[in-house]
Protein backbone atom coordinates (compact mmCIF):
# COMPACT_ATOMS: atom_id res chain seq x y z
CA MET A 1 -24.01 3.54 -8.28
CA MET A 2 -22.46 3.92 -4.82
CA ASN A 3 -24.56 6.91 -3.78
CA GLN A 4 -25.85 6.76 -0.21
CA LYS A 5 -23.82 3.63 0.51
CA ARG A 6 -21.42 3.16 3.38
CA PHE A 7 -18.28 1.39 4.38
CA PRO A 8 -18.47 -1.30 7.11
CA ASN A 9 -19.95 -0.28 10.46
CA GLY A 10 -21.81 2.59 8.77
CA LYS A 11 -18.62 4.61 8.27
CA THR A 12 -18.26 7.07 5.39
CA LYS A 13 -14.48 7.51 5.47
CA ILE A 14 -11.56 5.11 5.13
CA PHE A 15 -7.85 5.51 5.87
CA ASN A 16 -4.96 3.34 4.71
CA ALA A 17 -1.17 3.61 4.45
CA THR A 18 0.46 1.63 1.63
CA TYR A 19 4.24 1.33 1.97
CA ASP A 20 6.82 -0.36 -0.21
CA ASP A 21 9.97 -2.47 0.06
CA GLY A 22 9.87 -3.97 3.57
CA VAL A 23 12.71 -2.02 5.16
CA LEU A 24 14.04 -1.76 8.71
CA GLN A 25 12.18 1.52 9.31
CA ASP A 26 8.92 -0.43 8.97
CA VAL A 27 9.48 -1.61 12.55
CA ARG A 28 8.97 1.93 13.82
CA PHE A 29 6.27 2.64 11.24
CA VAL A 30 4.18 -0.43 12.12
CA ALA A 31 4.50 0.49 15.79
CA LEU A 32 2.94 3.88 14.98
CA LEU A 33 0.11 2.29 13.01
CA ASN A 34 -0.58 -0.09 15.89
CA LYS A 35 -0.41 2.71 18.45
CA TYR A 36 -3.20 4.60 16.67
CA GLY A 37 -5.22 1.56 15.60
CA LEU A 38 -4.57 2.08 11.88
CA LYS A 39 -3.99 -0.42 9.06
CA GLY A 40 -1.18 -0.67 6.57
CA THR A 41 -0.58 -2.46 3.30
CA PHE A 42 3.04 -3.56 2.93
CA ASN A 43 4.34 -4.34 -0.53
CA LEU A 44 7.25 -6.77 -0.36
CA ASN A 45 9.95 -8.28 -2.59
CA SER A 46 10.43 -11.82 -1.33
CA GLY A 47 13.57 -12.33 -3.43
CA LEU A 48 15.34 -9.63 -1.41
CA MET A 49 14.38 -11.05 1.99
CA GLU A 50 16.79 -13.98 2.14
CA SER A 51 19.17 -11.77 4.12
CA GLU A 52 19.06 -8.18 5.25
CA PHE A 53 19.82 -6.85 1.77
CA GLU A 54 21.01 -3.25 1.89
CA TRP A 55 21.79 -0.36 -0.41
CA THR A 56 22.99 3.22 -0.08
CA HIS A 57 20.36 5.91 -0.54
CA GLU A 58 21.31 9.05 -2.47
CA SER A 59 21.37 10.84 0.88
CA GLY A 60 24.22 8.56 1.95
CA ARG A 61 22.07 6.66 4.44
CA VAL A 62 22.31 2.85 4.28
CA ILE A 63 18.86 1.29 3.86
CA LYS A 64 18.34 -2.30 5.05
CA ARG A 65 15.54 -4.65 4.09
CA LEU A 66 13.89 -6.82 6.69
CA SER A 67 14.72 -10.50 6.81
CA LYS A 68 11.93 -13.08 6.65
CA GLU A 69 12.37 -13.83 10.33
CA LYS A 70 11.73 -10.20 11.30
CA ALA A 71 9.00 -9.53 8.71
CA VAL A 72 6.59 -12.34 9.60
CA PRO A 73 5.76 -11.24 13.16
CA LEU A 74 6.03 -7.54 12.33
CA TYR A 75 3.22 -7.35 9.78
CA GLN A 76 0.60 -9.30 11.72
CA GLY A 77 -2.72 -7.45 11.43
CA HIS A 78 -1.70 -5.67 8.24
CA GLU A 79 -1.97 -6.56 4.55
CA ILE A 80 0.91 -8.17 2.67
CA ALA A 81 1.02 -7.43 -1.08
CA CYS A 82 3.35 -8.28 -3.94
CA HIS A 83 5.95 -5.76 -5.15
CA THR A 84 7.71 -8.17 -7.57
CA LEU A 85 10.32 -10.75 -6.66
CA THR A 86 13.41 -8.55 -7.12
CA HIS A 87 12.14 -4.98 -7.70
CA PRO A 88 13.25 -4.70 -11.36
CA TYR A 89 12.54 -2.04 -13.97
CA MET A 90 9.79 -4.06 -15.62
CA HIS A 91 9.93 -2.25 -18.95
CA ASP A 92 13.21 -4.11 -19.53
CA LEU A 93 11.56 -7.53 -19.05
CA SER A 94 9.85 -9.96 -21.36
CA GLN A 95 6.29 -11.04 -20.65
CA GLN A 96 7.51 -14.33 -19.21
CA GLU A 97 9.98 -12.53 -16.96
CA ILE A 98 7.22 -10.22 -15.71
CA LEU A 99 4.98 -13.19 -14.98
CA HIS A 100 7.82 -14.85 -13.06
CA GLU A 101 8.45 -11.70 -10.98
CA LEU A 102 4.77 -11.55 -10.07
CA GLN A 103 3.91 -15.18 -9.61
CA ALA A 104 7.07 -16.19 -7.74
CA ASP A 105 6.70 -13.26 -5.33
CA LYS A 106 3.03 -14.08 -4.75
CA ALA A 107 3.76 -17.75 -4.08
CA ASN A 108 6.71 -16.98 -1.80
CA LEU A 109 4.80 -14.44 0.25
CA GLU A 110 1.78 -16.71 0.61
CA LYS A 111 3.99 -19.52 1.86
CA LEU A 112 5.95 -17.25 4.19
CA PHE A 113 2.98 -15.47 5.76
CA GLY A 114 0.46 -18.30 5.51
CA ARG A 115 -2.25 -16.21 3.85
CA GLU A 116 -3.49 -15.29 0.40
CA VAL A 117 -1.80 -12.35 -1.29
CA LYS A 118 -4.26 -10.50 -3.52
CA GLY A 119 -2.65 -7.11 -4.13
CA PHE A 120 0.22 -5.81 -6.24
CA ALA A 121 2.11 -2.51 -6.07
CA VAL A 122 4.17 -1.42 -9.08
CA PRO A 123 7.91 -0.90 -8.47
CA PHE A 124 9.31 2.41 -9.69
CA ASP A 125 6.91 4.38 -11.91
CA TYR A 126 6.62 2.26 -15.06
CA TYR A 127 3.29 0.57 -15.81
CA SER A 128 1.71 -0.54 -19.06
CA GLU A 129 -1.15 -2.53 -20.53
CA ARG A 130 1.23 -5.47 -20.93
CA ILE A 131 2.09 -5.41 -17.20
CA GLU A 132 -1.57 -4.97 -16.28
CA ASN A 133 -2.44 -8.06 -18.30
CA CYS A 134 0.25 -10.00 -16.46
CA VAL A 135 -1.10 -8.79 -13.11
CA ARG A 136 -4.57 -10.05 -14.03
CA GLU A 137 -3.20 -13.35 -15.34
CA SER A 138 -1.31 -13.86 -12.08
CA GLY A 139 -4.52 -13.77 -10.05
CA PHE A 140 -4.26 -10.41 -8.29
CA SER A 141 -7.33 -8.39 -7.35
CA TYR A 142 -5.77 -4.96 -7.80
CA ALA A 143 -2.62 -3.12 -8.88
CA ARG A 144 -1.55 0.07 -7.13
CA ILE A 145 0.38 2.27 -9.52
CA SER A 146 2.91 5.04 -8.82
CA GLN A 147 0.61 8.00 -9.33
CA GLU A 148 -1.35 10.12 -6.87
CA SER A 149 -5.07 10.77 -7.24
CA ARG A 150 -5.15 13.85 -4.97
CA SER A 151 -8.81 12.87 -4.57
CA PHE A 152 -10.90 11.23 -1.86
CA ALA A 153 -13.21 9.62 -4.41
CA PRO A 154 -13.14 5.80 -4.59
CA GLN A 155 -11.01 4.43 -7.39
CA THR A 156 -13.02 2.58 -10.04
CA ASP A 157 -10.18 1.00 -12.03
CA TYR A 158 -8.78 -1.55 -9.62
CA PHE A 159 -5.84 -2.39 -11.88
CA ASN A 160 -4.75 1.24 -12.12
CA TRP A 161 -5.33 2.08 -8.46
CA LYS A 162 -3.95 5.44 -7.33
CA ALA A 163 -3.25 6.26 -3.71
CA THR A 164 -4.27 9.74 -2.61
CA VAL A 165 -0.88 11.30 -1.92
CA PHE A 166 2.80 10.56 -1.33
CA HIS A 167 3.81 11.16 2.26
CA THR A 168 6.60 13.54 1.20
CA ALA A 169 4.15 15.94 -0.50
CA PRO A 170 4.15 19.45 1.02
CA GLU A 171 0.34 19.35 0.91
CA LEU A 172 0.06 16.25 3.10
CA GLU A 173 -1.19 18.04 6.22
CA GLN A 174 -3.61 20.16 4.20
CA LEU A 175 -5.07 17.11 2.47
CA SER A 176 -5.35 15.31 5.81
CA ARG A 177 -7.43 18.14 7.25
CA GLN A 178 -9.56 18.34 4.11
CA PHE A 179 -10.24 14.62 4.41
CA ILE A 180 -11.26 14.95 8.05
CA GLU A 181 -13.58 17.84 7.21
CA THR A 182 -15.12 16.51 4.01
CA ASP A 183 -18.74 15.42 3.91
CA GLN A 184 -18.14 13.43 0.73
CA GLU A 185 -19.57 9.93 0.97
CA LEU A 186 -17.25 6.95 0.62
CA ALA A 187 -14.20 9.16 1.07
CA ILE A 188 -10.85 7.38 1.00
CA PHE A 189 -7.52 8.80 2.16
CA GLN A 190 -4.52 6.65 1.33
CA ILE A 191 -0.93 7.69 2.00
CA VAL A 192 1.85 6.04 -0.01
CA GLY A 193 5.60 5.95 0.49
CA HIS A 194 8.66 4.18 1.89
CA SER A 195 9.28 4.30 5.61
CA TYR A 196 12.97 5.06 5.06
CA ASP A 197 11.86 8.46 3.68
CA LEU A 198 10.75 9.29 7.20
CA ASP A 199 14.35 8.94 8.37
CA VAL A 200 15.96 10.57 5.34
CA GLU A 201 13.68 13.62 5.37
CA GLU A 202 13.04 13.67 9.14
CA LEU A 203 9.27 13.26 8.80
CA TRP A 204 8.48 10.98 11.75
CA ASP A 205 6.82 13.72 13.82
CA ARG A 206 4.82 14.83 10.80
CA ILE A 207 3.45 11.36 10.06
CA GLU A 208 2.64 10.69 13.70
CA ASN A 209 0.72 13.97 13.95
CA ILE A 210 -1.35 12.92 10.94
CA PHE A 211 -2.01 9.47 12.40
CA ARG A 212 -3.07 11.12 15.66
CA MET A 213 -5.52 13.40 13.79
CA ILE A 214 -6.98 10.51 11.79
CA ALA A 215 -7.37 8.26 14.83
CA ALA A 216 -9.21 10.97 16.78
CA HIS A 217 -12.12 10.95 14.31
CA LYS A 218 -14.35 7.95 14.95
CA GLU A 219 -16.15 8.25 11.62
CA ILE A 220 -12.90 7.18 9.92
CA LEU A 221 -12.45 3.42 9.58
CA PRO A 222 -8.96 1.93 9.09
CA MET A 223 -8.87 -0.67 6.30
CA THR A 224 -6.24 -2.41 4.19
CA THR A 225 -6.18 -1.86 0.45
CA ILE A 226 -7.65 -5.29 -0.32
CA GLU A 227 -10.44 -4.69 2.20
CA ILE A 228 -11.24 -1.40 0.46
CA VAL A 229 -11.19 -2.97 -3.00
CA GLU A 230 -13.36 -5.91 -2.01
CA HIS A 231 -15.89 -3.67 -0.26
CA LEU A 232 -16.12 -1.30 -3.23
CA ARG A 233 -16.63 -4.28 -5.50
CA SER A 234 -19.42 -5.58 -3.29
CA LEU A 235 -21.15 -2.17 -3.33
CA SER A 236 -21.02 -1.97 -7.12
CA GLY A 237 -21.85 -5.60 -7.72
CA ASP A 238 -18.48 -6.18 -9.39
CA ASN A 239 -17.19 -9.54 -8.24
CA GLN A 240 -14.82 -10.05 -11.15
CA GLN A 241 -11.07 -9.56 -11.31
């Protein structure tokens, strides 16, 4: 039971932003996180970082991934997590191919950033028991899937972890205010997305206003996803993967 328990420093609320793909817009996004003292989890594909790989978004905007040289200093102070080596549709892959996508990305990122990589975020929206088993076998501590919880309650299935809400949701501001006002213990608010969406849909002012609101409330503690998972495990006595 987690009743009457707290996050570090006696806090009852946690905020995190978990963002995928490692794109050029992360430079501006990380600057906003740092400005407001918040923490991000960045889910990267090391196989697409050899050069500034780019593609054309359906809006017509060209999206560029960050090179290794730009990524390493950028994400200091934030969590690095696996997002597969090459961002494939994993339902098309064999078990061995899935394991390679996971394990090669983990090893590459650990070597590049010089720290352990414990988290995994699912590319696209396909997840299955077979993939979950591969995630566990590859030594990860959690898997963030592509579904929203729309809840502030702590997740209890660490290998089917749902962020609270996508940053493009019309209800984002409303949920942010509800989170600030809630008296629920161990409340977690986690925004998920891609920073290029903020360019495509012109949402930079919106996300900064939310960061400003969150940062103004001192009972809210910024944490990375792995910090949240490990603290929840410690509260429940669950020290197993």
